[in-house]
Amino acid sequence: MAGLALAADATNTRPQTLGKLLALSREETDAVGNVGKTYRWAVSPYYLSLINPQDPQDPVKKMCIPQAAELMDETGTDDPMAEEFTSPVPAVTRRYPDRLIIKVTNQCAMYCRHCQRRRLIGEVDRATPRVQLRQALDYVRKNEEIRDVLLTGGDALLLNDELLDWLLGELDAIPHVEIKRIGTRTLVTMPMRITDRLYKIIDRHGPIYINTQFNHPLEITPDVEAACRKLVRTGAALGNQAVLLSGVNNDPHVMKKLNHLLLKCMIRPYYIFHAKAVKGTAHFRTKVEEGIAIMEQLRGYTSGLAIPTFIVNAPGGYGKIPMLPEYLVSYAPGKIMIRTWENRILPYDN
């Protein structure tokens, strides 16, 4: 996968390299250089091409080009999910009784500016050592209550085909593993990764659920649609886990349009995550009320298929908490009062 991103390495760290492909102001160029000394950056050429250079507030640009605000965050932490304390063996995070994740690489096709695991992005892109992957697989084998395994990273589809094929085959051979999931943003940032060879691997190891992260309608292109349709033909189920980002998608009309386009690509809107308090990302964080207001505007104004669940991750690694508008107004013996999506208050026999 080498050479697929303009990254912070010996040759492409320089903002001038990026400046040859995208018009940047002096302030933006300085920000890329300064931020790059602390937080690594990388952009796939494909994703870079989605930026409208005439729009200073382009949402795609905000998600991939470093901003000076990243160095001004004094509130975030490196690991707000406390993953280091829920790791029974290297590369594994286990937060729930019946499922876990295996971090299979630290590499991505693009390093998103809001990334929750930016602490793991070093100067060297590498897959998790096979000895650690074997330890993770052994842990799954010994814990028969685990029925659901998510391969993530980094980006699980940045593994080479042979290693991915081997991992999925090992999971296939564990009788109590019912579900395999792949966490990836390559559908967004590098859809040409969905090759015929990868198609055959996914087809061979089903059922597989593929979780991706589209955050804005501009990220959905004909290339994306073609890649999604190829994956769907394998029987893979596609789901989207958007992140609510200030200045990107914290608008009910943007989120509704995104979910409509996702469904056209056979991707089910699954979650909207409230942005985590990751160090360097405070400028992206919204108030929880904004997410609830967006959920209010989705309910009734579009079909249930286009309405994900709004999630706040409890600090300290205590899991996902759904945030819902209040539709149950009050209750009494034999009767409740309910509120409709049009704000009508109605009695309902209970």
Protein backbone atom coordinates (compact mmCIF):
# COMPACT_ATOMS: atom_id res chain seq x y z
CA MET A 1 0.00 0.00 0.00
CA ALA A 2 3.03 2.28 -0.04
CA GLY A 3 2.74 5.53 -1.93
CA LEU A 4 -1.04 5.84 -1.64
CA ALA A 5 -1.03 8.89 0.64
CA LEU A 6 0.64 12.26 0.91
CA ALA A 7 2.00 11.59 4.35
CA ALA A 8 4.24 12.96 7.05
CA ASP A 9 7.38 11.06 6.10
CA ALA A 10 10.81 11.98 4.83
CA THR A 11 9.58 13.07 1.41
CA ASN A 12 5.99 14.21 1.83
CA THR A 13 5.95 15.82 5.27
CA ARG A 14 6.55 19.16 3.73
CA PRO A 15 3.54 21.44 3.31
CA GLN A 16 5.04 22.51 -0.03
CA THR A 17 4.28 19.04 -1.42
CA LEU A 18 0.64 19.45 -0.48
CA GLY A 19 0.68 23.03 -1.80
CA LYS A 20 1.49 21.80 -5.29
CA LEU A 21 -1.85 19.96 -5.36
CA LEU A 22 -4.07 22.21 -3.26
CA ALA A 23 -3.96 25.99 -3.06
CA LEU A 24 -3.20 26.89 0.55
CA SER A 25 -2.87 30.31 2.14
CA ARG A 26 0.32 31.19 3.99
CA GLU A 27 -1.50 30.64 7.29
CA GLU A 28 -2.75 27.21 6.19
CA THR A 29 0.70 26.19 4.96
CA ASP A 30 2.24 27.22 8.27
CA ALA A 31 -0.47 25.30 10.17
CA VAL A 32 0.23 22.10 8.21
CA GLY A 33 3.93 22.40 9.01
CA ASN A 34 3.45 23.22 12.68
CA VAL A 35 0.77 20.62 13.36
CA GLY A 36 2.80 17.99 11.51
CA LYS A 37 5.51 18.27 14.16
CA THR A 38 3.04 16.95 16.75
CA TYR A 39 0.30 15.09 14.88
CA ARG A 40 0.93 13.04 11.79
CA TRP A 41 -1.08 13.81 8.67
CA ALA A 42 -1.79 11.93 5.45
CA VAL A 43 -4.27 12.37 2.60
CA SER A 44 -4.97 9.97 -0.24
CA PRO A 45 -4.85 11.67 -3.66
CA TYR A 46 -8.41 10.51 -4.33
CA TYR A 47 -9.77 12.14 -1.17
CA LEU A 48 -7.78 15.30 -1.83
CA SER A 49 -9.54 15.57 -5.19
CA LEU A 50 -12.92 15.92 -3.42
CA ILE A 51 -11.98 19.30 -1.94
CA ASN A 52 -13.51 22.39 -3.52
CA PRO A 53 -10.53 24.82 -3.55
CA GLN A 54 -12.92 27.74 -3.95
CA ASP A 55 -14.68 27.03 -0.64
CA PRO A 56 -12.67 28.17 2.41
CA GLN A 57 -15.09 26.22 4.63
CA ASP A 58 -15.02 23.04 2.58
CA PRO A 59 -16.05 20.18 4.94
CA VAL A 60 -13.82 17.61 3.23
CA LYS A 61 -10.83 19.88 3.69
CA LYS A 62 -11.56 20.26 7.39
CA MET A 63 -11.47 16.50 7.87
CA CYS A 64 -8.11 15.93 6.17
CA ILE A 65 -5.93 19.08 6.27
CA PRO A 66 -4.29 19.98 9.62
CA GLN A 67 -5.54 23.16 11.28
CA ALA A 68 -3.81 25.38 13.82
CA ALA A 69 -6.68 24.68 16.24
CA GLU A 70 -5.29 21.19 16.79
CA LEU A 71 -2.47 22.67 18.85
CA MET A 72 -4.81 24.82 20.95
CA ASP A 73 -6.79 22.01 22.61
CA GLU A 74 -6.13 21.96 26.35
CA THR A 75 -9.14 19.80 27.26
CA GLY A 76 -8.76 16.51 25.40
CA THR A 77 -6.88 13.35 26.36
CA ASP A 78 -4.89 10.88 24.28
CA ASP A 79 -7.12 7.90 25.15
CA PRO A 80 -10.57 9.06 26.28
CA MET A 81 -11.94 5.54 25.79
CA ALA A 82 -9.34 4.11 28.22
CA GLU A 83 -8.55 1.35 25.75
CA GLU A 84 -5.27 0.59 27.46
CA PHE A 85 -7.23 -0.60 30.51
CA THR A 86 -9.56 -2.89 28.53
CA SER A 87 -6.85 -4.80 26.68
CA PRO A 88 -6.49 -8.34 28.06
CA VAL A 89 -3.81 -9.17 25.46
CA PRO A 90 -1.92 -6.97 22.98
CA ALA A 91 -4.02 -5.65 20.06
CA VAL A 92 -7.33 -6.55 21.75
CA THR A 93 -9.86 -4.18 23.29
CA ARG A 94 -12.72 -5.85 25.12
CA ARG A 95 -15.44 -3.67 26.57
CA TYR A 96 -18.49 -5.97 26.35
CA PRO A 97 -19.24 -9.57 27.36
CA ASP A 98 -19.82 -11.12 23.92
CA ARG A 99 -17.58 -9.13 21.56
CA LEU A 100 -14.20 -7.51 21.14
CA ILE A 101 -12.01 -5.68 18.66
CA ILE A 102 -8.62 -6.63 17.28
CA LYS A 103 -6.47 -3.72 16.15
CA VAL A 104 -4.77 -5.24 13.12
CA THR A 105 -2.77 -2.24 11.83
CA ASN A 106 -1.98 1.39 12.59
CA GLN A 107 -2.21 2.38 8.92
CA CYS A 108 -4.97 4.29 7.15
CA ALA A 109 -5.32 5.64 3.64
CA MET A 110 -5.87 9.03 5.31
CA TYR A 111 -5.31 10.24 8.86
CA CYS A 112 -8.53 12.02 9.76
CA ARG A 113 -8.07 15.15 11.81
CA HIS A 114 -10.74 13.95 14.27
CA CYS A 115 -9.29 10.43 14.69
CA GLN A 116 -9.99 8.81 18.06
CA ARG A 117 -6.79 6.73 17.88
CA ARG A 118 -4.34 9.35 16.69
CA ARG A 119 -2.09 8.32 19.58
CA LEU A 120 -1.35 5.06 17.68
CA ILE A 121 -0.23 6.74 14.46
CA GLY A 122 3.55 6.61 14.52
CA GLU A 123 6.13 7.47 11.93
CA VAL A 124 6.05 3.91 10.56
CA ASP A 125 2.99 2.29 8.99
CA ARG A 126 2.84 -1.35 9.97
CA ALA A 127 0.49 -4.23 10.45
CA THR A 128 0.21 -5.63 13.95
CA PRO A 129 2.97 -8.25 14.35
CA ARG A 130 1.71 -11.73 13.59
CA VAL A 131 2.75 -12.97 17.04
CA GLN A 132 0.30 -10.47 18.57
CA LEU A 133 -2.42 -11.44 16.12
CA ARG A 134 -1.94 -15.08 17.16
CA GLN A 135 -2.23 -14.06 20.82
CA ALA A 136 -5.48 -12.25 20.02
CA LEU A 137 -6.87 -15.26 18.16
CA ASP A 138 -5.89 -17.57 21.03
CA TYR A 139 -7.72 -15.26 23.44
CA VAL A 140 -10.86 -15.51 21.30
CA ARG A 141 -10.57 -19.31 21.17
CA LYS A 142 -10.30 -19.59 24.96
CA ASN A 143 -13.29 -17.32 25.64
CA GLU A 144 -16.28 -19.09 24.16
CA GLU A 145 -18.71 -16.31 25.06
CA ILE A 146 -17.15 -14.14 22.34
CA ARG A 147 -19.40 -14.40 19.30
CA ASP A 148 -18.58 -11.14 17.49
CA VAL A 149 -15.09 -9.98 16.43
CA LEU A 150 -14.31 -6.61 14.84
CA LEU A 151 -11.08 -6.17 12.87
CA THR A 152 -10.07 -2.53 13.00
CA GLY A 153 -6.99 -0.37 13.47
CA GLY A 154 -6.08 1.91 11.84
CA ASP A 155 -8.01 0.60 8.88
CA ALA A 156 -8.45 -3.14 8.53
CA LEU A 157 -8.61 -2.96 4.73
CA LEU A 158 -5.10 -1.50 4.67
CA LEU A 159 -3.87 -5.00 5.48
CA ASN A 160 -2.49 -6.82 2.46
CA ASP A 161 -4.82 -9.38 0.93
CA GLU A 162 -2.88 -12.40 2.16
CA LEU A 163 -2.88 -11.32 5.80
CA LEU A 164 -6.55 -10.34 5.73
CA ASP A 165 -7.45 -13.67 4.13
CA TRP A 166 -5.49 -15.54 6.81
CA LEU A 167 -7.11 -13.62 9.68
CA LEU A 168 -10.64 -14.15 8.41
CA GLY A 169 -9.89 -17.84 7.85
CA GLU A 170 -8.63 -18.22 11.42
CA LEU A 171 -11.84 -16.63 12.73
CA ASP A 172 -13.92 -18.88 10.47
CA ALA A 173 -12.36 -21.88 12.20
CA ILE A 174 -13.47 -20.78 15.70
CA PRO A 175 -16.90 -22.40 16.23
CA HIS A 176 -18.32 -19.81 18.64
CA VAL A 177 -17.47 -16.79 16.43
CA GLU A 178 -20.76 -16.07 14.68
CA ILE A 179 -20.06 -12.61 13.29
CA LYS A 180 -16.99 -11.03 11.74
CA ARG A 181 -16.84 -7.28 11.27
CA ILE A 182 -14.38 -5.08 9.44
CA GLY A 183 -13.86 -1.44 10.40
CA THR A 184 -12.71 0.62 7.44
CA ARG A 185 -12.77 4.11 5.98
CA THR A 186 -11.23 3.08 2.65
CA LEU A 187 -14.71 3.18 1.10
CA VAL A 188 -14.57 6.91 1.85
CA THR A 189 -10.92 7.74 1.31
CA MET A 190 -9.74 5.19 -1.27
CA PRO A 191 -12.65 3.20 -2.79
CA MET A 192 -10.38 1.69 -5.44
CA ARG A 193 -9.07 -0.57 -2.66
CA ILE A 194 -12.15 -2.72 -3.33
CA THR A 195 -10.45 -4.83 -5.98
CA ASP A 196 -11.62 -8.05 -7.59
CA ARG A 197 -9.18 -9.95 -5.40
CA LEU A 198 -10.54 -8.36 -2.23
CA TYR A 199 -14.06 -9.11 -3.48
CA LYS A 200 -13.19 -12.82 -3.59
CA ILE A 201 -11.74 -12.74 -0.07
CA ILE A 202 -14.86 -11.10 1.40
CA ASP A 203 -17.07 -13.49 -0.56
CA ARG A 204 -15.14 -16.51 0.76
CA HIS A 205 -15.40 -15.59 4.44
CA GLY A 206 -18.98 -14.40 4.89
CA PRO A 207 -21.05 -13.44 6.72
CA ILE A 208 -19.11 -10.21 7.15
CA TYR A 209 -20.38 -6.86 8.37
CA ILE A 210 -18.42 -3.87 7.10
CA ASN A 211 -18.58 -0.69 9.19
CA THR A 212 -17.46 2.49 7.50
CA GLN A 213 -17.50 6.22 8.30
CA PHE A 214 -19.00 8.71 5.85
CA ASN A 215 -19.50 12.11 7.46
CA HIS A 216 -20.68 14.34 4.61
CA PRO A 217 -22.63 13.94 1.34
CA LEU A 218 -19.61 15.21 -0.65
CA GLU A 219 -17.77 12.02 0.28
CA ILE A 220 -20.20 9.88 -1.72
CA THR A 221 -19.10 9.65 -5.35
CA PRO A 222 -19.67 7.29 -8.32
CA ASP A 223 -16.45 5.49 -7.29
CA VAL A 224 -17.90 4.93 -3.84
CA GLU A 225 -21.18 3.64 -5.22
CA ALA A 226 -19.39 1.18 -7.52
CA ALA A 227 -17.25 -0.12 -4.64
CA CYS A 228 -20.28 -0.55 -2.39
CA ARG A 229 -22.24 -2.46 -4.99
CA LYS A 230 -19.27 -4.77 -5.50
CA LEU A 231 -19.13 -5.50 -1.77
CA VAL A 232 -22.87 -6.01 -1.48
CA ARG A 233 -22.69 -8.71 -4.17
CA THR A 234 -20.50 -10.74 -1.78
CA GLY A 235 -23.34 -10.74 0.74
CA ALA A 236 -21.52 -8.32 3.02
CA ALA A 237 -23.73 -5.99 5.05
CA LEU A 238 -22.63 -2.35 5.02
CA GLY A 239 -23.23 0.07 7.88
CA ASN A 240 -22.16 3.65 8.51
CA GLN A 241 -20.93 5.16 11.76
CA ALA A 242 -20.80 8.91 11.23
CA VAL A 243 -19.12 11.28 13.68
CA LEU A 244 -20.88 14.53 14.52
CA LEU A 245 -18.34 17.23 13.65
CA SER A 246 -18.73 20.96 14.10
CA GLY A 247 -18.52 22.81 10.80
CA VAL A 248 -18.82 19.56 8.85
CA ASN A 249 -22.16 17.88 9.45
CA ASN A 250 -23.80 19.39 12.55
CA ASP A 251 -26.79 20.37 10.46
CA PRO A 252 -29.99 18.31 10.14
CA HIS A 253 -30.27 18.85 6.37
CA VAL A 254 -26.68 17.77 5.76
CA MET A 255 -27.16 14.66 7.90
CA LYS A 256 -30.44 13.79 6.22
CA LYS A 257 -28.88 14.14 2.76
CA LEU A 258 -25.93 12.01 3.83
CA ASN A 259 -28.20 9.23 5.07
CA HIS A 260 -30.28 9.28 1.90
CA LEU A 261 -27.17 8.93 -0.27
CA LEU A 262 -25.85 6.15 1.96
CA LEU A 263 -29.02 4.14 1.44
CA LYS A 264 -28.68 4.55 -2.33
CA CYS A 265 -25.26 2.89 -1.96
CA MET A 266 -26.78 0.06 0.12
CA ILE A 267 -25.15 1.37 3.33
CA ARG A 268 -27.40 1.40 6.40
CA PRO A 269 -26.98 4.49 8.62
CA TYR A 270 -26.11 2.80 11.92
CA TYR A 271 -24.67 5.30 14.39
CA ILE A 272 -23.99 9.00 14.74
CA PHE A 273 -21.23 9.32 17.32
CA HIS A 274 -20.81 12.37 19.49
CA ALA A 275 -17.16 13.31 18.93
CA LYS A 276 -14.89 11.98 21.64
CA ALA A 277 -12.68 14.28 23.71
CA VAL A 278 -9.49 13.30 21.90
CA LYS A 279 -6.58 15.68 22.39
CA GLY A 280 -6.24 18.02 19.41
CA THR A 281 -9.87 17.77 18.28
CA ALA A 282 -11.76 20.26 20.49
CA HIS A 283 -12.62 22.43 17.48
CA PHE A 284 -14.72 19.55 16.09
CA ARG A 285 -16.76 18.86 19.21
CA THR A 286 -20.38 19.94 19.49
CA LYS A 287 -22.84 20.01 22.35
CA VAL A 288 -24.86 16.83 22.85
CA GLU A 289 -28.01 18.92 22.37
CA GLU A 290 -27.03 19.48 18.72
CA GLY A 291 -27.05 15.77 18.08
CA ILE A 292 -30.42 15.34 19.76
CA ALA A 293 -31.83 18.24 17.70
CA ILE A 294 -30.62 16.50 14.53
CA MET A 295 -32.37 13.29 15.62
CA GLU A 296 -35.56 15.33 16.16
CA GLN A 297 -35.32 16.64 12.60
CA LEU A 298 -34.76 13.18 11.13
CA ARG A 299 -37.68 11.50 12.86
CA GLY A 300 -40.82 12.09 10.81
CA TYR A 301 -38.99 13.91 8.02
CA THR A 302 -37.44 10.78 6.54
CA SER A 303 -37.90 7.03 6.71
CA GLY A 304 -36.75 4.94 9.64
CA LEU A 305 -34.10 3.35 7.42
CA ALA A 306 -32.36 6.73 7.25
CA ILE A 307 -32.35 7.31 11.02
CA PRO A 308 -29.27 6.05 12.89
CA THR A 309 -28.82 5.99 16.67
CA PHE A 310 -27.07 8.96 18.27
CA ILE A 311 -24.38 7.65 20.64
CA VAL A 312 -22.28 9.18 23.38
CA ASN A 313 -19.37 6.99 24.49
CA ALA A 314 -19.15 7.00 28.27
CA PRO A 315 -15.76 8.22 29.49
CA GLY A 316 -13.38 5.65 30.87
CA GLY A 317 -14.39 2.96 28.41
CA TYR A 318 -17.81 2.22 29.94
CA GLY A 319 -19.57 1.77 26.62
CA LYS A 320 -22.06 3.32 24.21
CA ILE A 321 -24.99 5.31 25.57
CA PRO A 322 -27.90 6.14 23.19
CA MET A 323 -29.06 9.75 23.34
CA LEU A 324 -32.73 10.03 22.40
CA PRO A 325 -35.27 12.85 22.16
CA GLU A 326 -37.97 12.51 24.82
CA TYR A 327 -41.22 11.24 23.34
CA LEU A 328 -42.71 9.87 26.55
CA VAL A 329 -44.01 12.99 28.29
CA SER A 330 -45.61 11.44 31.37
CA TYR A 331 -47.29 8.30 32.59
CA ALA A 332 -50.01 7.35 35.05
CA PRO A 333 -51.90 4.11 35.77
CA GLY A 334 -53.47 2.92 32.53
CA LYS A 335 -52.42 5.93 30.46
CA ILE A 336 -49.35 7.71 29.11
CA MET A 337 -48.84 11.03 27.34
CA ILE A 338 -46.76 10.89 24.18
CA ARG A 339 -45.24 13.51 21.91
CA THR A 340 -45.27 13.08 18.13
CA TRP A 341 -42.59 14.24 15.69
CA GLU A 342 -44.82 17.30 15.03
CA ASN A 343 -44.81 18.11 18.76
CA ARG A 344 -48.44 17.07 19.26
CA ILE A 345 -49.10 15.88 22.83
CA LEU A 346 -51.51 12.96 22.84
CA PRO A 347 -52.96 10.56 25.45
CA TYR A 348 -52.35 6.87 24.84
CA ASP A 349 -54.05 3.96 26.65
CA ASN A 350 -51.48 1.84 28.42
